[in-house]
Amino acid sequence: MPRRTKAEAEATREALLDAAEALFHGKGVARTSLEQIARHAGMTRGAVYWHFKNKADLFHALLERVRLPFEELTEDIEAAHGNASPLECIRLACHESFQRLEQPSYQRIHSILIHRCEFFSDIDPLEMQRRLSRECFGAMREKFRQAAQYDQLEASITPEMATELLQCCLGGLFHDWLRDPQNHSLRERGGPIVDTLFKLIRHDAG
């Protein structure tokens, strides 16, 4: 068998992830087999095992496609808006996350995790959701602590409270939108709500 190039191997891996995304979204994770994923991608099951140890490994790789590390989002904002304050970086990062989440692949994969993934073998969807939530909370809290150092938060609002408020707001918007993404735009609905929250927690130096 001819040795595959790195680019060919990567293309095969991406094709398998595309197939998994389509089938997991249509059938659910537990009811989709690796054999079905291979067939959908026009490959053999051996190709799946070449790239992934099992279904759980494949599913984790699928989630990595759409991870939105909040720290990276704020770094992107800081690179694009060098003079943005910590609080403004957080607000703009929320808007950027809405825009990315509305991309079809991001929407489908998050819908799989929340609505189409059962406890199965090594797959624990609740633990995955908790892990992503913890990562986001930690990064947001650090940024809110920077905002507090610049006296940008209302005196009654601690960085921890600001983080709780924002995470609850984002989680509610996101889960409500995922139930019926065609019903409304996450950006159009979520943007004004987030902006209002920031007006409430921001310290008015004037």
N, C-alpha and C. Protein backbone atom coordinates (compact mmCIF):
# COMPACT_ATOMS: atom_id res chain seq x y z
N MET A 1 0.84 -1.19 0.00
CA MET A 1 0.00 0.00 0.00
C MET A 1 0.88 1.25 0.00
N PRO A 2 0.69 2.18 -0.93
CA PRO A 2 1.52 3.37 -0.99
C PRO A 2 1.39 4.19 0.28
N ARG A 3 2.51 4.75 0.68
CA ARG A 3 2.49 5.56 1.89
C ARG A 3 1.78 6.88 1.61
N ARG A 4 0.84 7.25 2.46
CA ARG A 4 0.08 8.47 2.26
C ARG A 4 0.88 9.68 2.71
N THR A 5 0.69 10.77 2.02
CA THR A 5 1.33 12.00 2.43
C THR A 5 0.61 12.55 3.65
N LYS A 6 1.26 13.48 4.33
CA LYS A 6 0.64 14.10 5.51
C LYS A 6 -0.65 14.81 5.12
N ALA A 7 -0.64 15.46 3.95
CA ALA A 7 -1.84 16.18 3.50
C ALA A 7 -2.98 15.22 3.22
N GLU A 8 -2.67 14.07 2.61
CA GLU A 8 -3.70 13.07 2.32
C GLU A 8 -4.27 12.49 3.61
N ALA A 9 -3.41 12.23 4.57
CA ALA A 9 -3.87 11.70 5.86
C ALA A 9 -4.79 12.69 6.56
N GLU A 10 -4.41 13.96 6.50
CA GLU A 10 -5.24 15.00 7.14
C GLU A 10 -6.57 15.14 6.43
N ALA A 11 -6.56 15.02 5.08
CA ALA A 11 -7.81 15.10 4.32
C ALA A 11 -8.73 13.94 4.68
N THR A 12 -8.15 12.75 4.87
CA THR A 12 -8.95 11.59 5.27
C THR A 12 -9.56 11.80 6.65
N ARG A 13 -8.75 12.30 7.56
CA ARG A 13 -9.24 12.56 8.92
C ARG A 13 -10.39 13.56 8.91
N GLU A 14 -10.25 14.63 8.14
CA GLU A 14 -11.29 15.65 8.08
C GLU A 14 -12.56 15.10 7.44
N ALA A 15 -12.41 14.23 6.43
CA ALA A 15 -13.58 13.63 5.78
C ALA A 15 -14.34 12.73 6.76
N LEU A 16 -13.60 12.02 7.61
CA LEU A 16 -14.24 11.17 8.62
C LEU A 16 -14.97 12.02 9.66
N LEU A 17 -14.37 13.13 10.05
CA LEU A 17 -15.03 14.02 11.00
C LEU A 17 -16.27 14.65 10.38
N ASP A 18 -16.20 15.00 9.09
CA ASP A 18 -17.39 15.53 8.41
C ASP A 18 -18.52 14.50 8.41
N ALA A 19 -18.15 13.24 8.14
CA ALA A 19 -19.16 12.18 8.12
C ALA A 19 -19.75 11.97 9.51
N ALA A 20 -18.91 11.98 10.53
CA ALA A 20 -19.39 11.81 11.90
C ALA A 20 -20.32 12.94 12.30
N GLU A 21 -19.95 14.15 11.92
CA GLU A 21 -20.79 15.31 12.24
C GLU A 21 -22.18 15.16 11.64
N ALA A 22 -22.24 14.75 10.37
CA ALA A 22 -23.53 14.61 9.69
C ALA A 22 -24.37 13.50 10.33
N LEU A 23 -23.75 12.35 10.62
CA LEU A 23 -24.50 11.22 11.16
C LEU A 23 -24.88 11.42 12.62
N PHE A 24 -23.96 11.95 13.41
CA PHE A 24 -24.28 12.21 14.82
C PHE A 24 -25.45 13.20 14.92
N HIS A 25 -25.45 14.19 14.05
CA HIS A 25 -26.51 15.19 14.10
C HIS A 25 -27.85 14.60 13.65
N GLY A 26 -27.79 13.69 12.69
CA GLY A 26 -29.03 13.11 12.17
C GLY A 26 -29.57 11.95 13.00
N LYS A 27 -28.66 11.13 13.56
CA LYS A 27 -29.08 9.89 14.25
C LYS A 27 -28.81 9.89 15.74
N GLY A 28 -27.94 10.77 16.19
CA GLY A 28 -27.49 10.70 17.57
C GLY A 28 -26.18 9.93 17.64
N VAL A 29 -25.43 10.14 18.70
CA VAL A 29 -24.11 9.53 18.83
C VAL A 29 -24.20 8.03 19.08
N ALA A 30 -25.04 7.63 20.02
CA ALA A 30 -25.11 6.21 20.38
C ALA A 30 -25.60 5.34 19.24
N ARG A 31 -26.47 5.88 18.39
CA ARG A 31 -27.05 5.08 17.30
C ARG A 31 -26.24 5.14 16.01
N THR A 32 -25.09 5.76 16.07
CA THR A 32 -24.21 5.83 14.91
C THR A 32 -22.98 4.96 15.16
N SER A 33 -22.70 4.06 14.25
CA SER A 33 -21.54 3.17 14.40
C SER A 33 -20.35 3.70 13.60
N LEU A 34 -19.17 3.23 13.96
CA LEU A 34 -17.98 3.60 13.20
C LEU A 34 -18.05 3.06 11.78
N GLU A 35 -18.69 1.92 11.61
CA GLU A 35 -18.89 1.35 10.28
C GLU A 35 -19.72 2.31 9.41
N GLN A 36 -20.77 2.87 9.99
CA GLN A 36 -21.62 3.80 9.25
C GLN A 36 -20.85 5.08 8.89
N ILE A 37 -20.03 5.54 9.81
CA ILE A 37 -19.23 6.73 9.55
C ILE A 37 -18.27 6.47 8.40
N ALA A 38 -17.62 5.32 8.43
CA ALA A 38 -16.68 4.97 7.35
C ALA A 38 -17.39 4.91 6.00
N ARG A 39 -18.56 4.26 5.98
CA ARG A 39 -19.29 4.15 4.71
C ARG A 39 -19.72 5.51 4.21
N HIS A 40 -20.19 6.36 5.13
CA HIS A 40 -20.65 7.69 4.74
C HIS A 40 -19.50 8.51 4.12
N ALA A 41 -18.29 8.25 4.62
CA ALA A 41 -17.11 8.97 4.11
C ALA A 41 -16.52 8.28 2.89
N GLY A 42 -17.10 7.12 2.49
CA GLY A 42 -16.57 6.38 1.35
C GLY A 42 -15.27 5.68 1.66
N MET A 43 -15.11 5.23 2.91
CA MET A 43 -13.87 4.58 3.34
C MET A 43 -14.17 3.28 4.08
N THR A 44 -13.12 2.62 4.50
CA THR A 44 -13.27 1.40 5.27
C THR A 44 -13.19 1.72 6.77
N ARG A 45 -13.64 0.78 7.60
CA ARG A 45 -13.56 1.01 9.04
C ARG A 45 -12.11 1.10 9.49
N GLY A 46 -11.22 0.44 8.76
CA GLY A 46 -9.80 0.52 9.09
C GLY A 46 -9.28 1.95 9.03
N ALA A 47 -9.83 2.73 8.10
CA ALA A 47 -9.41 4.14 8.01
C ALA A 47 -9.79 4.90 9.28
N VAL A 48 -10.95 4.54 9.85
CA VAL A 48 -11.38 5.20 11.09
C VAL A 48 -10.39 4.88 12.21
N TYR A 49 -10.04 3.59 12.34
CA TYR A 49 -9.15 3.19 13.42
C TYR A 49 -7.72 3.66 13.20
N TRP A 50 -7.38 4.01 11.98
CA TRP A 50 -6.06 4.57 11.72
C TRP A 50 -5.92 5.94 12.40
N HIS A 51 -7.03 6.68 12.43
CA HIS A 51 -7.00 8.05 12.95
C HIS A 51 -7.56 8.18 14.36
N PHE A 52 -8.46 7.26 14.75
CA PHE A 52 -9.14 7.40 16.05
C PHE A 52 -9.16 6.06 16.77
N LYS A 53 -8.94 6.10 18.09
CA LYS A 53 -8.93 4.85 18.87
C LYS A 53 -10.30 4.22 18.95
N ASN A 54 -11.34 5.05 19.07
CA ASN A 54 -12.70 4.56 19.23
C ASN A 54 -13.66 5.72 18.96
N LYS A 55 -14.93 5.49 19.21
CA LYS A 55 -15.92 6.53 18.95
C LYS A 55 -15.73 7.73 19.87
N ALA A 56 -15.36 7.47 21.12
CA ALA A 56 -15.15 8.58 22.05
C ALA A 56 -14.01 9.47 21.58
N ASP A 57 -12.94 8.87 21.11
CA ASP A 57 -11.80 9.64 20.60
C ASP A 57 -12.21 10.49 19.41
N LEU A 58 -13.01 9.92 18.53
CA LEU A 58 -13.52 10.65 17.36
C LEU A 58 -14.41 11.80 17.80
N PHE A 59 -15.27 11.55 18.78
CA PHE A 59 -16.19 12.58 19.24
C PHE A 59 -15.44 13.74 19.88
N HIS A 60 -14.40 13.42 20.66
CA HIS A 60 -13.60 14.49 21.27
C HIS A 60 -12.91 15.32 20.19
N ALA A 61 -12.44 14.66 19.14
CA ALA A 61 -11.81 15.39 18.04
C ALA A 61 -12.82 16.30 17.35
N LEU A 62 -14.06 15.84 17.26
CA LEU A 62 -15.10 16.66 16.66
C LEU A 62 -15.35 17.91 17.50
N LEU A 63 -15.36 17.76 18.81
CA LEU A 63 -15.56 18.91 19.70
C LEU A 63 -14.43 19.92 19.58
N GLU A 64 -13.21 19.41 19.36
CA GLU A 64 -12.07 20.31 19.25
C GLU A 64 -12.21 21.25 18.06
N ARG A 65 -12.99 20.81 17.06
CA ARG A 65 -13.21 21.66 15.89
C ARG A 65 -13.91 22.97 16.25
N VAL A 66 -14.72 22.94 17.28
CA VAL A 66 -15.57 24.10 17.56
C VAL A 66 -15.33 24.69 18.95
N ARG A 67 -14.24 24.31 19.58
CA ARG A 67 -13.94 24.92 20.88
C ARG A 67 -13.72 26.41 20.69
N LEU A 68 -14.25 27.20 21.62
CA LEU A 68 -14.08 28.65 21.58
C LEU A 68 -13.42 29.10 22.88
N PRO A 69 -12.14 28.81 23.05
CA PRO A 69 -11.48 29.24 24.30
C PRO A 69 -11.62 30.75 24.48
N PHE A 70 -12.21 31.16 25.57
CA PHE A 70 -12.50 32.58 25.78
C PHE A 70 -11.21 33.39 25.82
N GLU A 71 -10.16 32.80 26.34
CA GLU A 71 -8.88 33.50 26.39
C GLU A 71 -8.38 33.84 24.99
N GLU A 72 -8.55 32.89 24.05
CA GLU A 72 -8.14 33.15 22.67
C GLU A 72 -9.02 34.20 22.02
N LEU A 73 -10.31 34.17 22.33
CA LEU A 73 -11.21 35.19 21.77
C LEU A 73 -10.78 36.58 22.20
N THR A 74 -10.48 36.75 23.49
CA THR A 74 -10.09 38.07 23.98
C THR A 74 -8.72 38.48 23.42
N GLU A 75 -7.84 37.51 23.22
CA GLU A 75 -6.54 37.83 22.62
C GLU A 75 -6.72 38.33 21.19
N ASP A 76 -7.65 37.70 20.45
CA ASP A 76 -7.94 38.16 19.09
C ASP A 76 -8.48 39.59 19.11
N ILE A 77 -9.36 39.86 20.08
CA ILE A 77 -9.94 41.19 20.19
C ILE A 77 -8.85 42.22 20.52
N GLU A 78 -7.96 41.86 21.44
CA GLU A 78 -6.88 42.78 21.82
C GLU A 78 -5.96 43.05 20.64
N ALA A 79 -5.73 42.03 19.81
CA ALA A 79 -4.87 42.22 18.64
C ALA A 79 -5.54 43.15 17.62
N ALA A 80 -6.85 43.05 17.52
CA ALA A 80 -7.59 43.88 16.55
C ALA A 80 -7.91 45.27 17.10
N HIS A 81 -8.07 45.35 18.43
CA HIS A 81 -8.43 46.62 19.07
C HIS A 81 -7.43 46.88 20.20
N GLY A 82 -6.28 47.36 19.84
CA GLY A 82 -5.20 47.49 20.82
C GLY A 82 -5.53 48.36 22.02
N ASN A 83 -6.44 49.30 21.87
CA ASN A 83 -6.75 50.21 22.98
C ASN A 83 -8.01 49.82 23.74
N ALA A 84 -8.55 48.63 23.46
CA ALA A 84 -9.78 48.19 24.14
C ALA A 84 -9.49 47.87 25.60
N SER A 85 -10.37 48.32 26.49
CA SER A 85 -10.22 48.03 27.91
C SER A 85 -10.57 46.56 28.17
N PRO A 86 -10.18 46.02 29.35
CA PRO A 86 -10.54 44.63 29.66
C PRO A 86 -12.04 44.36 29.55
N LEU A 87 -12.86 45.29 30.05
CA LEU A 87 -14.31 45.07 30.00
C LEU A 87 -14.81 45.09 28.55
N GLU A 88 -14.26 45.98 27.76
CA GLU A 88 -14.67 46.05 26.35
C GLU A 88 -14.21 44.80 25.59
N CYS A 89 -13.06 44.26 25.94
CA CYS A 89 -12.58 43.02 25.32
C CYS A 89 -13.56 41.87 25.58
N ILE A 90 -14.06 41.80 26.80
CA ILE A 90 -15.01 40.74 27.14
C ILE A 90 -16.29 40.92 26.33
N ARG A 91 -16.79 42.15 26.27
CA ARG A 91 -18.04 42.41 25.53
C ARG A 91 -17.88 42.06 24.05
N LEU A 92 -16.79 42.50 23.46
CA LEU A 92 -16.57 42.22 22.04
C LEU A 92 -16.34 40.73 21.79
N ALA A 93 -15.72 40.04 22.75
CA ALA A 93 -15.52 38.60 22.62
C ALA A 93 -16.86 37.87 22.61
N CYS A 94 -17.81 38.35 23.40
CA CYS A 94 -19.16 37.76 23.39
C CYS A 94 -19.79 37.90 22.01
N HIS A 95 -19.67 39.08 21.43
CA HIS A 95 -20.23 39.30 20.10
C HIS A 95 -19.55 38.40 19.07
N GLU A 96 -18.25 38.24 19.18
CA GLU A 96 -17.52 37.37 18.25
C GLU A 96 -17.95 35.92 18.41
N SER A 97 -18.19 35.50 19.65
CA SER A 97 -18.62 34.11 19.88
C SER A 97 -19.99 33.86 19.26
N PHE A 98 -20.90 34.84 19.34
CA PHE A 98 -22.22 34.69 18.70
C PHE A 98 -22.06 34.48 17.19
N GLN A 99 -21.17 35.27 16.61
CA GLN A 99 -20.97 35.18 15.16
C GLN A 99 -20.42 33.81 14.77
N ARG A 100 -19.47 33.30 15.54
CA ARG A 100 -18.88 32.00 15.22
C ARG A 100 -19.88 30.87 15.46
N LEU A 101 -20.64 30.97 16.53
CA LEU A 101 -21.58 29.90 16.85
C LEU A 101 -22.68 29.77 15.81
N GLU A 102 -22.97 30.83 15.08
CA GLU A 102 -24.01 30.75 14.05
C GLU A 102 -23.50 30.08 12.77
N GLN A 103 -22.20 29.81 12.69
CA GLN A 103 -21.70 29.06 11.54
C GLN A 103 -22.27 27.64 11.61
N PRO A 104 -22.71 27.07 10.47
CA PRO A 104 -23.42 25.79 10.49
C PRO A 104 -22.72 24.67 11.25
N SER A 105 -21.42 24.51 11.03
CA SER A 105 -20.72 23.41 11.69
C SER A 105 -20.67 23.60 13.20
N TYR A 106 -20.42 24.82 13.65
CA TYR A 106 -20.41 25.11 15.09
C TYR A 106 -21.78 24.80 15.68
N GLN A 107 -22.82 25.22 14.97
CA GLN A 107 -24.18 25.00 15.46
C GLN A 107 -24.48 23.51 15.57
N ARG A 108 -24.15 22.75 14.52
CA ARG A 108 -24.46 21.31 14.52
C ARG A 108 -23.73 20.57 15.63
N ILE A 109 -22.44 20.84 15.79
CA ILE A 109 -21.65 20.09 16.76
C ILE A 109 -22.09 20.41 18.19
N HIS A 110 -22.38 21.66 18.47
CA HIS A 110 -22.89 21.98 19.81
C HIS A 110 -24.28 21.39 20.03
N SER A 111 -25.08 21.32 18.98
CA SER A 111 -26.39 20.69 19.09
C SER A 111 -26.24 19.20 19.37
N ILE A 112 -25.24 18.57 18.76
CA ILE A 112 -24.96 17.16 19.03
C ILE A 112 -24.62 16.97 20.49
N LEU A 113 -23.71 17.79 21.01
CA LEU A 113 -23.26 17.65 22.39
C LEU A 113 -24.41 17.82 23.38
N ILE A 114 -25.28 18.79 23.13
CA ILE A 114 -26.32 19.12 24.10
C ILE A 114 -27.59 18.31 23.91
N HIS A 115 -27.96 18.02 22.66
CA HIS A 115 -29.26 17.40 22.40
C HIS A 115 -29.21 15.99 21.80
N ARG A 116 -28.08 15.58 21.24
CA ARG A 116 -28.04 14.31 20.52
C ARG A 116 -26.95 13.37 20.99
N CYS A 117 -26.47 13.60 22.22
CA CYS A 117 -25.40 12.76 22.75
C CYS A 117 -25.83 12.16 24.08
N GLU A 118 -25.95 10.83 24.10
CA GLU A 118 -26.32 10.13 25.31
C GLU A 118 -25.05 9.65 26.04
N PHE A 119 -25.20 9.26 27.32
CA PHE A 119 -24.10 8.58 28.00
C PHE A 119 -23.84 7.29 27.25
N PHE A 120 -22.61 7.11 26.78
CA PHE A 120 -22.33 5.93 25.97
C PHE A 120 -20.85 5.57 26.09
N SER A 121 -20.58 4.38 26.61
CA SER A 121 -19.21 3.90 26.72
C SER A 121 -18.34 4.95 27.43
N ASP A 122 -17.34 5.48 26.72
CA ASP A 122 -16.44 6.47 27.31
C ASP A 122 -16.91 7.91 27.08
N ILE A 123 -18.13 8.08 26.60
CA ILE A 123 -18.64 9.41 26.29
C ILE A 123 -19.59 9.87 27.40
N ASP A 124 -19.23 10.95 28.06
CA ASP A 124 -20.05 11.54 29.12
C ASP A 124 -20.34 12.99 28.72
N PRO A 125 -21.46 13.24 28.07
CA PRO A 125 -21.74 14.60 27.57
C PRO A 125 -21.82 15.64 28.67
N LEU A 126 -22.33 15.27 29.84
CA LEU A 126 -22.42 16.24 30.93
C LEU A 126 -21.05 16.67 31.42
N GLU A 127 -20.14 15.71 31.53
CA GLU A 127 -18.78 16.05 31.96
C GLU A 127 -18.10 16.92 30.91
N MET A 128 -18.35 16.66 29.63
CA MET A 128 -17.77 17.49 28.57
C MET A 128 -18.30 18.91 28.68
N GLN A 129 -19.61 19.05 28.91
CA GLN A 129 -20.19 20.38 29.05
C GLN A 129 -19.65 21.09 30.28
N ARG A 130 -19.49 20.36 31.38
CA ARG A 130 -18.95 20.96 32.59
C ARG A 130 -17.51 21.42 32.38
N ARG A 131 -16.72 20.62 31.67
CA ARG A 131 -15.33 20.98 31.42
C ARG A 131 -15.23 22.26 30.60
N LEU A 132 -16.03 22.34 29.54
CA LEU A 132 -16.02 23.54 28.70
C LEU A 132 -16.48 24.76 29.50
N SER A 133 -17.49 24.54 30.36
CA SER A 133 -18.00 25.65 31.18
C SER A 133 -16.95 26.13 32.17
N ARG A 134 -16.22 25.20 32.79
CA ARG A 134 -15.17 25.57 33.74
C ARG A 134 -14.06 26.37 33.06
N GLU A 135 -13.67 25.91 31.88
CA GLU A 135 -12.61 26.61 31.14
C GLU A 135 -13.04 28.04 30.83
N CYS A 136 -14.27 28.19 30.36
CA CYS A 136 -14.78 29.50 30.01
C CYS A 136 -14.88 30.39 31.25
N PHE A 137 -15.37 29.82 32.36
CA PHE A 137 -15.54 30.59 33.59
C PHE A 137 -14.20 31.13 34.07
N GLY A 138 -13.18 30.28 34.06
CA GLY A 138 -11.87 30.70 34.54
C GLY A 138 -11.29 31.83 33.71
N ALA A 139 -11.42 31.73 32.38
CA ALA A 139 -10.87 32.77 31.51
C ALA A 139 -11.64 34.09 31.65
N MET A 140 -12.97 34.01 31.76
CA MET A 140 -13.76 35.22 31.94
C MET A 140 -13.47 35.88 33.28
N ARG A 141 -13.35 35.08 34.32
CA ARG A 141 -13.08 35.64 35.66
C ARG A 141 -11.75 36.39 35.68
N GLU A 142 -10.75 35.84 35.02
CA GLU A 142 -9.45 36.50 34.97
C GLU A 142 -9.56 37.86 34.29
N LYS A 143 -10.34 37.92 33.22
CA LYS A 143 -10.50 39.18 32.50
C LYS A 143 -11.31 40.18 33.34
N PHE A 144 -12.32 39.69 34.05
CA PHE A 144 -13.09 40.59 34.91
C PHE A 144 -12.23 41.09 36.09
N ARG A 145 -11.30 40.28 36.55
CA ARG A 145 -10.39 40.74 37.60
C ARG A 145 -9.52 41.88 37.09
N GLN A 146 -9.11 41.79 35.84
CA GLN A 146 -8.36 42.90 35.24
C GLN A 146 -9.23 44.15 35.16
N ALA A 147 -10.50 43.96 34.79
CA ALA A 147 -11.43 45.09 34.71
C ALA A 147 -11.59 45.74 36.08
N ALA A 148 -11.66 44.92 37.13
CA ALA A 148 -11.81 45.46 38.48
C ALA A 148 -10.58 46.27 38.88
N GLN A 149 -9.40 45.83 38.47
CA GLN A 149 -8.18 46.56 38.78
C GLN A 149 -8.17 47.95 38.14
N TYR A 150 -8.86 48.06 37.02
CA TYR A 150 -8.98 49.35 36.33
C TYR A 150 -10.23 50.12 36.79
N ASP A 151 -10.87 49.63 37.85
CA ASP A 151 -12.06 50.28 38.41
C ASP A 151 -13.18 50.40 37.37
N GLN A 152 -13.36 49.34 36.58
CA GLN A 152 -14.39 49.35 35.55
C GLN A 152 -15.69 48.71 36.00
N LEU A 153 -15.69 48.03 37.15
CA LEU A 153 -16.89 47.35 37.63
C LEU A 153 -17.56 48.18 38.73
N GLU A 154 -18.88 48.13 38.76
CA GLU A 154 -19.63 48.73 39.86
C GLU A 154 -19.11 48.18 41.18
N ALA A 155 -19.12 49.02 42.21
CA ALA A 155 -18.55 48.63 43.49
C ALA A 155 -19.19 47.37 44.07
N SER A 156 -20.47 47.16 43.80
CA SER A 156 -21.19 46.01 44.35
C SER A 156 -20.98 44.73 43.54
N ILE A 157 -20.30 44.85 42.40
CA ILE A 157 -20.10 43.71 41.51
C ILE A 157 -18.66 43.22 41.60
N THR A 158 -18.48 42.04 42.15
CA THR A 158 -17.14 41.44 42.19
C THR A 158 -16.85 40.76 40.85
N PRO A 159 -15.59 40.48 40.54
CA PRO A 159 -15.28 39.75 39.31
C PRO A 159 -15.99 38.40 39.23
N GLU A 160 -16.10 37.74 40.39
CA GLU A 160 -16.78 36.45 40.41
C GLU A 160 -18.27 36.60 40.08
N MET A 161 -18.91 37.64 40.67
CA MET A 161 -20.32 37.87 40.40
C MET A 161 -20.53 38.26 38.93
N ALA A 162 -19.65 39.10 38.40
CA ALA A 162 -19.75 39.48 37.00
C ALA A 162 -19.63 38.26 36.08
N THR A 163 -18.73 37.36 36.43
CA THR A 163 -18.54 36.14 35.64
C THR A 163 -19.79 35.26 35.69
N GLU A 164 -20.35 35.10 36.90
CA GLU A 164 -21.57 34.31 37.06
C GLU A 164 -22.70 34.90 36.23
N LEU A 165 -22.87 36.21 36.32
CA LEU A 165 -23.95 36.88 35.58
C LEU A 165 -23.80 36.67 34.08
N LEU A 166 -22.59 36.86 33.57
CA LEU A 166 -22.37 36.74 32.14
C LEU A 166 -22.52 35.29 31.68
N GLN A 167 -21.99 34.36 32.45
CA GLN A 167 -22.08 32.96 32.03
C GLN A 167 -23.53 32.48 32.03
N CYS A 168 -24.31 32.89 33.01
CA CYS A 168 -25.74 32.54 33.04
C CYS A 168 -26.46 33.16 31.85
N CYS A 169 -26.14 34.39 31.54
CA CYS A 169 -26.75 35.08 30.41
C CYS A 169 -26.41 34.37 29.10
N LEU A 170 -25.13 34.09 28.88
CA LEU A 170 -24.71 33.43 27.64
C LEU A 170 -25.27 32.02 27.53
N GLY A 171 -25.26 31.29 28.65
CA GLY A 171 -25.79 29.92 28.63
C GLY A 171 -27.27 29.89 28.30
N GLY A 172 -28.03 30.80 28.89
CA GLY A 172 -29.46 30.85 28.61
C GLY A 172 -29.74 31.20 27.16
N LEU A 173 -29.02 32.20 26.63
CA LEU A 173 -29.20 32.58 25.23
C LEU A 173 -28.86 31.43 24.30
N PHE A 174 -27.73 30.78 24.58
CA PHE A 174 -27.24 29.73 23.70
C PHE A 174 -28.16 28.51 23.70
N HIS A 175 -28.56 28.04 24.86
CA HIS A 175 -29.42 26.85 24.94
C HIS A 175 -30.80 27.13 24.35
N ASP A 176 -31.32 28.32 24.57
CA ASP A 176 -32.62 28.68 24.01
C ASP A 176 -32.54 28.72 22.48
N TRP A 177 -31.45 29.27 21.97
CA TRP A 177 -31.27 29.36 20.51
C TRP A 177 -31.10 27.98 19.89
N LEU A 178 -30.36 27.10 20.56
CA LEU A 178 -30.09 25.77 20.00
C LEU A 178 -31.35 24.92 19.87
N ARG A 179 -32.37 25.20 20.70
CA ARG A 179 -33.61 24.42 20.58
C ARG A 179 -34.28 24.66 19.23
N ASP A 180 -34.11 25.86 18.67
CA ASP A 180 -34.72 26.16 17.37
C ASP A 180 -33.91 27.28 16.71
N PRO A 181 -32.75 26.95 16.13
CA PRO A 181 -31.87 27.97 15.56
C PRO A 181 -32.51 28.79 14.45
N GLN A 182 -33.54 28.22 13.79
CA GLN A 182 -34.18 28.96 12.70
C GLN A 182 -35.17 30.02 13.21
N ASN A 183 -35.47 29.96 14.49
CA ASN A 183 -36.49 30.87 15.03
C ASN A 183 -35.98 32.30 15.17
N HIS A 184 -34.69 32.44 15.50
CA HIS A 184 -34.14 33.79 15.64
C HIS A 184 -32.62 33.73 15.50
N SER A 185 -32.03 34.89 15.26
CA SER A 185 -30.58 35.01 15.15
C SER A 185 -29.97 35.17 16.54
N LEU A 186 -28.98 34.36 16.84
CA LEU A 186 -28.29 34.48 18.12
C LEU A 186 -27.62 35.84 18.25
N ARG A 187 -27.03 36.33 17.17
CA ARG A 187 -26.37 37.63 17.20
C ARG A 187 -27.37 38.77 17.43
N GLU A 188 -28.48 38.72 16.69
CA GLU A 188 -29.43 39.82 16.78
C GLU A 188 -30.14 39.86 18.13
N ARG A 189 -30.39 38.69 18.69
CA ARG A 189 -31.04 38.67 20.00
C ARG A 189 -30.04 38.83 21.13
N GLY A 190 -28.92 38.13 21.02
CA GLY A 190 -27.96 38.12 22.12
C GLY A 190 -27.16 39.39 22.26
N GLY A 191 -26.84 40.04 21.13
CA GLY A 191 -26.01 41.24 21.18
C GLY A 191 -26.56 42.33 22.08
N PRO A 192 -27.81 42.76 21.88
CA PRO A 192 -28.37 43.81 22.74
C PRO A 192 -28.49 43.39 24.21
N ILE A 193 -28.77 42.10 24.46
CA ILE A 193 -28.88 41.64 25.84
C ILE A 193 -27.53 41.72 26.55
N VAL A 194 -26.48 41.27 25.87
CA VAL A 194 -25.14 41.35 26.45
C VAL A 194 -24.73 42.80 26.66
N ASP A 195 -25.01 43.65 25.69
CA ASP A 195 -24.66 45.07 25.83
C ASP A 195 -25.36 45.70 27.03
N THR A 196 -26.62 45.33 27.25
CA THR A 196 -27.37 45.85 28.40
C THR A 196 -26.75 45.38 29.70
N LEU A 197 -26.34 44.11 29.76
CA LEU A 197 -25.71 43.58 30.96
C LEU A 197 -24.44 44.36 31.29
N PHE A 198 -23.66 44.65 30.27
CA PHE A 198 -22.41 45.38 30.51
C PHE A 198 -22.67 46.81 30.98
N LYS A 199 -23.74 47.41 30.51
CA LYS A 199 -24.08 48.75 30.99
C LYS A 199 -24.43 48.72 32.48
N LEU A 200 -25.04 47.62 32.92
CA LEU A 200 -25.45 47.49 34.33
C LEU A 200 -24.28 47.24 35.26
N ILE A 201 -23.27 46.53 34.79
CA ILE A 201 -22.16 46.18 35.68
C ILE A 201 -20.98 47.15 35.55
N ARG A 202 -21.00 48.00 34.53
CA ARG A 202 -19.88 48.91 34.31
C ARG A 202 -19.94 50.10 35.28
N HIS A 203 -18.79 50.41 35.84
CA HIS A 203 -18.69 51.58 36.72
C HIS A 203 -18.62 52.84 35.88
N ASP A 204 -19.50 53.78 36.17
CA ASP A 204 -19.54 55.05 35.45
C ASP A 204 -18.62 56.04 36.16
N ALA A 205 -17.46 56.24 35.56
CA ALA A 205 -16.46 57.11 36.20
C ALA A 205 -16.89 58.57 36.19
N GLY A 206 -17.90 58.89 35.32
CA GLY A 206 -18.35 60.27 35.25
C GLY A 206 -19.27 60.60 36.38
